[in-house]
Protein backbone atom coordinates (compact mmCIF):
# COMPACT_ATOMS: atom_id res chain seq x y z
CA THR A 1 67.80 -48.88 56.76
CA LYS A 2 64.36 -48.77 55.22
CA ARG A 3 64.32 -46.83 51.97
CA ILE A 4 61.75 -45.04 49.80
CA ILE A 5 62.43 -43.65 46.37
CA ILE A 6 60.04 -41.03 45.06
CA PHE A 7 60.19 -40.63 41.31
CA ARG A 8 59.14 -37.26 39.89
CA GLN A 9 60.40 -36.27 36.43
CA ASP A 10 57.95 -33.58 35.39
CA GLY A 11 58.47 -29.82 35.23
CA ILE A 12 59.14 -27.23 37.89
CA GLY A 13 55.48 -26.22 38.23
CA ASP A 14 54.42 -29.80 38.98
CA TYR A 15 57.29 -30.08 41.47
CA ILE A 16 55.95 -26.99 43.33
CA LEU A 17 52.48 -28.58 43.44
CA PHE A 18 53.98 -31.81 44.84
CA ARG A 19 56.77 -30.76 47.21
CA ASN A 20 54.67 -30.03 50.34
CA PHE A 21 53.79 -33.72 50.51
CA LEU A 22 57.45 -34.67 51.08
CA GLU A 23 57.24 -33.18 54.57
CA ILE A 24 53.95 -34.95 55.26
CA LEU A 25 55.37 -38.30 54.14
CA LYS A 26 58.53 -37.83 56.22
CA LYS A 27 56.51 -36.93 59.34
CA THR A 28 53.87 -39.66 58.97
CA PRO A 29 54.57 -42.27 61.69
CA ALA A 30 54.43 -45.15 59.20
CA PHE A 31 57.25 -43.61 57.14
CA SER A 32 59.22 -41.47 59.60
CA ASP A 33 62.01 -44.04 59.92
CA TYR A 34 62.52 -44.41 56.16
CA LYS A 35 65.39 -42.86 54.27
CA ILE A 36 63.80 -40.86 51.43
CA THR A 37 65.46 -40.53 48.03
CA LEU A 38 63.99 -38.13 45.50
CA LEU A 39 64.67 -39.01 41.87
CA GLY A 40 63.88 -35.78 40.10
CA ASN A 41 64.26 -33.57 37.09
CA ALA A 42 67.58 -31.69 37.12
CA ALA A 43 65.69 -28.57 35.98
CA TRP A 44 64.54 -28.01 39.58
CA LYS A 45 67.62 -29.36 41.36
CA ASP A 46 68.73 -26.13 43.08
CA LEU A 47 65.23 -25.27 44.24
CA ALA A 48 64.53 -28.75 45.65
CA GLU A 49 67.87 -29.04 47.41
CA PHE A 50 67.29 -25.63 49.01
CA LEU A 51 63.62 -26.11 49.98
CA ASP A 52 63.41 -29.82 50.79
CA LYS A 53 66.77 -30.93 52.16
CA GLU A 54 65.14 -31.31 55.58
CA PHE A 55 62.71 -33.96 54.28
CA VAL A 56 64.78 -35.70 51.59
CA ASP A 57 67.84 -37.71 52.60
CA GLU A 58 69.25 -38.15 49.11
CA PHE A 59 68.65 -36.58 45.72
CA ILE A 60 69.27 -38.19 42.33
CA TRP A 61 68.95 -35.90 39.33
CA LEU A 62 68.13 -36.76 35.73
CA ASP A 63 68.72 -34.37 32.88
CA LYS A 64 65.72 -35.05 30.62
CA LYS A 65 67.49 -33.98 27.43
CA ARG A 66 70.62 -36.00 28.12
CA ILE A 67 68.75 -39.12 29.23
CA THR A 68 67.15 -39.38 25.78
CA ALA A 69 70.09 -38.21 23.66
CA ASP A 70 73.23 -39.47 25.41
CA PHE A 71 73.58 -43.24 25.65
CA PHE A 72 76.51 -43.13 28.09
CA TYR A 73 74.74 -40.70 30.41
CA ARG A 74 71.61 -42.88 30.34
CA TYR A 75 73.65 -46.02 31.05
CA LYS A 76 75.47 -44.33 33.96
CA LYS A 77 72.24 -43.01 35.49
CA PHE A 78 70.35 -46.29 35.06
CA LYS A 79 73.25 -48.13 36.69
CA GLU A 80 73.27 -45.63 39.59
CA ILE A 81 69.51 -45.86 40.09
CA THR A 82 69.25 -49.64 39.80
CA SER A 83 72.27 -50.35 42.02
CA VAL A 84 70.23 -49.66 45.17
CA LYS A 85 67.33 -51.72 46.47
CA TYR A 86 64.40 -49.81 47.92
CA ASP A 87 61.56 -50.97 50.07
CA ILE A 88 59.06 -48.70 48.33
CA LEU A 89 58.95 -46.85 45.01
CA ILE A 90 56.45 -44.00 44.87
CA HIS A 91 55.58 -42.54 41.47
CA PRO A 92 52.87 -39.93 42.13
CA PHE A 93 52.17 -38.76 38.59
CA SER A 94 49.45 -40.43 36.57
CA ARG A 95 50.90 -41.47 33.27
CA GLU A 96 48.83 -44.14 31.65
CA PHE A 97 50.72 -43.90 28.38
CA PHE A 98 54.06 -45.55 27.83
CA ASN A 99 57.12 -43.44 28.41
CA ALA A 100 60.56 -43.51 29.95
CA ASP A 101 59.12 -42.83 33.43
CA ASN A 102 57.27 -46.13 33.50
CA ASP A 103 60.24 -47.91 31.92
CA LEU A 104 62.51 -46.62 34.67
CA ALA A 105 59.94 -47.43 37.36
CA TYR A 106 59.98 -51.00 36.03
CA LEU A 107 63.79 -51.16 36.34
CA ILE A 108 64.05 -49.69 39.84
CA LYS A 109 64.50 -52.43 42.44
CA ALA A 110 61.78 -52.06 45.05
CA ASP A 111 59.75 -54.52 47.08
CA LYS A 112 56.60 -52.46 46.56
CA LYS A 113 55.85 -50.05 43.72
CA ILE A 114 53.06 -47.50 44.06
CA GLY A 115 51.91 -45.49 41.08
CA SER A 116 49.14 -43.11 40.18
CA ILE A 117 46.62 -43.76 37.46
CA LYS A 118 43.94 -41.73 35.78
CA SER A 119 40.34 -42.65 36.32
CA SER A 120 39.61 -46.06 34.81
CA ARG A 121 36.99 -44.59 32.47
CA PHE A 122 39.84 -42.83 30.62
CA LEU A 123 42.15 -45.83 30.56
CA LYS A 124 42.24 -48.56 27.96
CA LEU A 125 42.24 -52.05 29.45
CA TYR A 126 45.48 -53.23 27.81
CA ARG A 127 47.33 -50.21 29.23
CA ARG A 128 46.03 -50.92 32.72
CA ILE A 129 47.18 -54.54 32.44
CA ILE A 130 50.70 -53.43 31.51
CA LEU A 131 50.81 -50.84 34.31
CA GLU A 132 49.69 -53.51 36.78
CA LYS A 133 52.81 -55.48 35.80
CA ILE A 134 54.99 -52.50 36.77
CA TYR A 135 53.20 -51.31 39.92
CA ASP A 136 51.90 -53.35 42.86
CA ASN A 137 49.43 -50.63 43.75
CA LEU A 138 47.86 -48.10 41.37
CA ILE A 139 46.09 -45.25 43.11
CA PRO A 140 43.42 -43.69 40.90
CA ASP A 141 42.96 -39.95 40.62
CA ALA A 142 39.93 -38.70 42.52
CA GLU A 143 36.92 -38.31 40.24
CA GLY A 144 36.40 -34.77 39.02
CA VAL A 145 39.73 -33.48 40.34
CA TRP A 146 41.85 -31.75 37.71
CA PHE A 147 44.22 -29.51 39.67
CA GLU A 148 47.53 -31.33 40.16
CA PHE A 149 47.91 -30.20 43.78
CA TYR A 150 44.62 -31.88 44.74
CA LYS A 151 45.58 -35.02 42.81
CA ASN A 152 48.79 -35.13 44.84
CA ARG A 153 46.87 -34.62 48.08
CA ASN A 154 44.52 -37.51 47.22
CA PHE A 155 47.49 -39.71 46.29
CA PHE A 156 49.38 -39.05 49.54
CA GLU A 157 46.22 -39.45 51.64
CA LYS A 158 45.90 -42.95 50.20
CA ILE A 159 49.57 -43.75 50.90
CA THR A 160 49.66 -42.37 54.44
CA GLY A 161 46.12 -43.35 55.39
CA GLU A 162 45.70 -39.88 56.89
CA LYS A 163 43.52 -36.90 55.96
CA ILE A 164 45.76 -34.08 54.69
CA LYS A 165 44.45 -30.62 55.46
CA LEU A 166 46.59 -28.62 53.01
CA GLU A 167 44.42 -26.47 50.76
CA LYS A 168 47.14 -24.96 48.58
CA PRO A 169 50.87 -25.25 47.97
CA PHE A 170 53.17 -23.06 50.03
CA ILE A 171 56.86 -22.26 50.46
CA ASN A 172 58.24 -21.36 53.89
CA LEU A 173 61.34 -19.25 53.65
CA ASP A 174 63.16 -18.61 56.89
CA VAL A 175 64.67 -15.23 56.15
CA THR A 176 66.79 -14.12 59.08
C-alpha cells in the first residue's frame, strides 16, 4: 500500500482553510491509490473525523499541550508516528523557524518529504539550508499571497500539478 502522511498541527481556523484540499488530493489520479494519514491537532479531532473521514484513511492526533509537557505522552506519540514508513510526507504550512513541527517532520520516515516555505526574500540562508536537510522539496508561498486558503491552494496545485478552481473554503453538510 502506498502511503501519504499529511502533517498539520496548527489551529482550527487553519484546518478549515486547508481541509478542502484533502478531497482534491484524494481524487487526483496521481494520488488516488494512496492511503492518506492525517497527523493533526487534537483540538479539531471531532470536526475532522466528521467532515473528512471520506478522504482520510487514518487519523493520528497530537495534543499540543501534552506533547510539550508530558515526556511519556511525547515518547508514545513519537514511537507511534515513527513506527510506520510513508512514501510521502506533506507538511503544507510554511514555518521557516525552528519548532517541534519541523523536528517531527525530520523524524517521520518517508521516502519523499514536501514542505512549504515562505518567500525566499523573507528567509535567512542558514534556515533554508537546514530546512533543505529535512525536506526534499520546499514549495514557496506565492508572491503577494497572504490569505492562508490561497497559500494552501498554491501548495496543492504544485503537488498535484493541476489547477485548482476553489475560490473559498466550504463545508458540505448532508442533512437528511
